[in-house]
Amino acid sequence: MNKAELINAIAQSADLSKAVAGRALDGLTETITNALKAGDTVTLVGFGSFQVKSRAEREGRNPSTGEPITIAAAQKPSFKAGKGLKDSVN
């Protein structure tokens, strides 16, 4: 499902126009992104939680030359599914 299909599904499910559903979806993603940038965790009970995890600096290899390179430390967004979502999928 892509973004347009998701907007259509939200609009139909919540009896909204596609424009309103699109703004709602954009607002949700922007809010989650801003919270993660601030270092917060976003928890949607029954669905799951979004958080930022730290990835340590590590050594890798350049695939074309095989020489070792250092891969910088980074912050990565992470999602952990909640019990309700896990149960509904299984």
Protein backbone atom coordinates (compact mmCIF):
# COMPACT_ATOMS: atom_id res chain seq x y z
CA MET A 1 0.00 0.00 0.00
CA ASN A 2 1.44 3.37 -0.97
CA LYS A 3 0.65 6.80 0.49
CA ALA A 4 -2.19 7.57 -1.96
CA GLU A 5 -3.86 4.22 -1.22
CA LEU A 6 -3.47 4.83 2.52
CA ILE A 7 -5.07 8.28 2.19
CA ASN A 8 -7.98 6.74 0.27
CA ALA A 9 -8.44 4.07 2.94
CA ILE A 10 -8.35 6.65 5.76
CA ALA A 11 -10.83 8.89 3.94
CA GLN A 12 -13.23 6.01 3.37
CA SER A 13 -12.88 4.57 6.88
CA ALA A 14 -13.30 7.90 8.72
CA ASP A 15 -15.82 9.38 6.26
CA LEU A 16 -13.50 12.28 5.39
CA SER A 17 -12.51 13.94 2.15
CA LYS A 18 -9.22 12.82 0.62
CA ALA A 19 -7.76 16.29 1.19
CA VAL A 20 -8.53 16.20 4.92
CA ALA A 21 -7.27 12.62 5.23
CA GLY A 22 -4.04 13.59 3.43
CA ARG A 23 -3.47 16.55 5.78
CA ALA A 24 -4.16 14.31 8.78
CA LEU A 25 -1.66 11.72 7.59
CA ASP A 26 0.96 14.41 6.88
CA GLY A 27 0.33 15.88 10.33
CA LEU A 28 0.77 12.48 11.96
CA THR A 29 4.05 11.73 10.21
CA GLU A 30 5.38 15.24 10.89
CA THR A 31 4.47 15.00 14.58
CA ILE A 32 6.11 11.58 14.99
CA THR A 33 9.23 12.81 13.14
CA ASN A 34 9.52 15.92 15.31
CA ALA A 35 9.09 13.89 18.50
CA LEU A 36 11.82 11.45 17.42
CA LYS A 37 14.14 14.36 16.53
CA ALA A 38 13.61 15.68 20.06
CA GLY A 39 14.58 12.29 21.50
CA ASP A 40 11.07 11.34 22.63
CA THR A 41 9.37 7.97 22.24
CA VAL A 42 5.94 7.87 20.58
CA THR A 43 3.71 5.09 21.90
CA LEU A 44 0.36 4.18 20.37
CA VAL A 45 -1.17 1.66 22.76
CA GLY A 46 -2.17 -1.51 20.94
CA PHE A 47 -0.29 -0.50 17.78
CA GLY A 48 3.35 -0.01 18.75
CA SER A 49 6.04 2.48 19.64
CA PHE A 50 8.50 4.56 17.67
CA GLN A 51 11.87 5.43 19.19
CA VAL A 52 15.38 6.44 18.22
CA LYS A 53 18.22 3.98 18.76
CA SER A 54 21.94 4.72 18.66
CA ARG A 55 24.12 2.78 16.27
CA ALA A 56 27.78 2.69 17.30
CA GLU A 57 30.65 3.43 14.94
CA ARG A 58 31.79 0.25 13.23
CA GLU A 59 34.18 -1.02 10.63
CA GLY A 60 33.02 -2.16 7.22
CA ARG A 61 34.52 -2.91 3.83
CA ASN A 62 34.37 -1.01 0.58
CA PRO A 63 32.64 -3.52 -1.73
CA SER A 64 34.55 -2.47 -4.85
CA THR A 65 38.06 -2.40 -3.38
CA GLY A 66 37.73 -4.56 -0.28
CA GLU A 67 39.61 -2.04 1.83
CA PRO A 68 38.39 -1.43 5.38
CA ILE A 69 36.40 1.75 6.06
CA THR A 70 34.90 3.26 9.18
CA ILE A 71 31.13 3.62 9.20
CA ALA A 72 30.15 6.58 11.37
CA ALA A 73 27.91 6.33 14.41
CA ALA A 74 24.30 7.24 13.70
CA GLN A 75 20.84 7.58 15.19
CA LYS A 76 18.23 5.35 13.60
CA PRO A 77 14.46 5.35 13.96
CA SER A 78 12.97 2.11 15.19
CA PHE A 79 9.44 0.69 15.46
CA LYS A 80 8.38 -2.03 17.85
CA ALA A 81 4.97 -3.56 17.19
CA GLY A 82 2.54 -3.70 20.09
CA LYS A 83 0.61 -6.74 21.26
CA GLY A 84 -2.62 -5.69 19.52
CA LEU A 85 -0.90 -5.34 16.15
CA LYS A 86 0.98 -8.61 16.56
CA ASP A 87 -2.20 -10.45 17.52
CA SER A 88 -4.18 -9.06 14.58
CA VAL A 89 -1.50 -10.06 12.07
CA ASN A 90 -1.15 -13.61 13.39
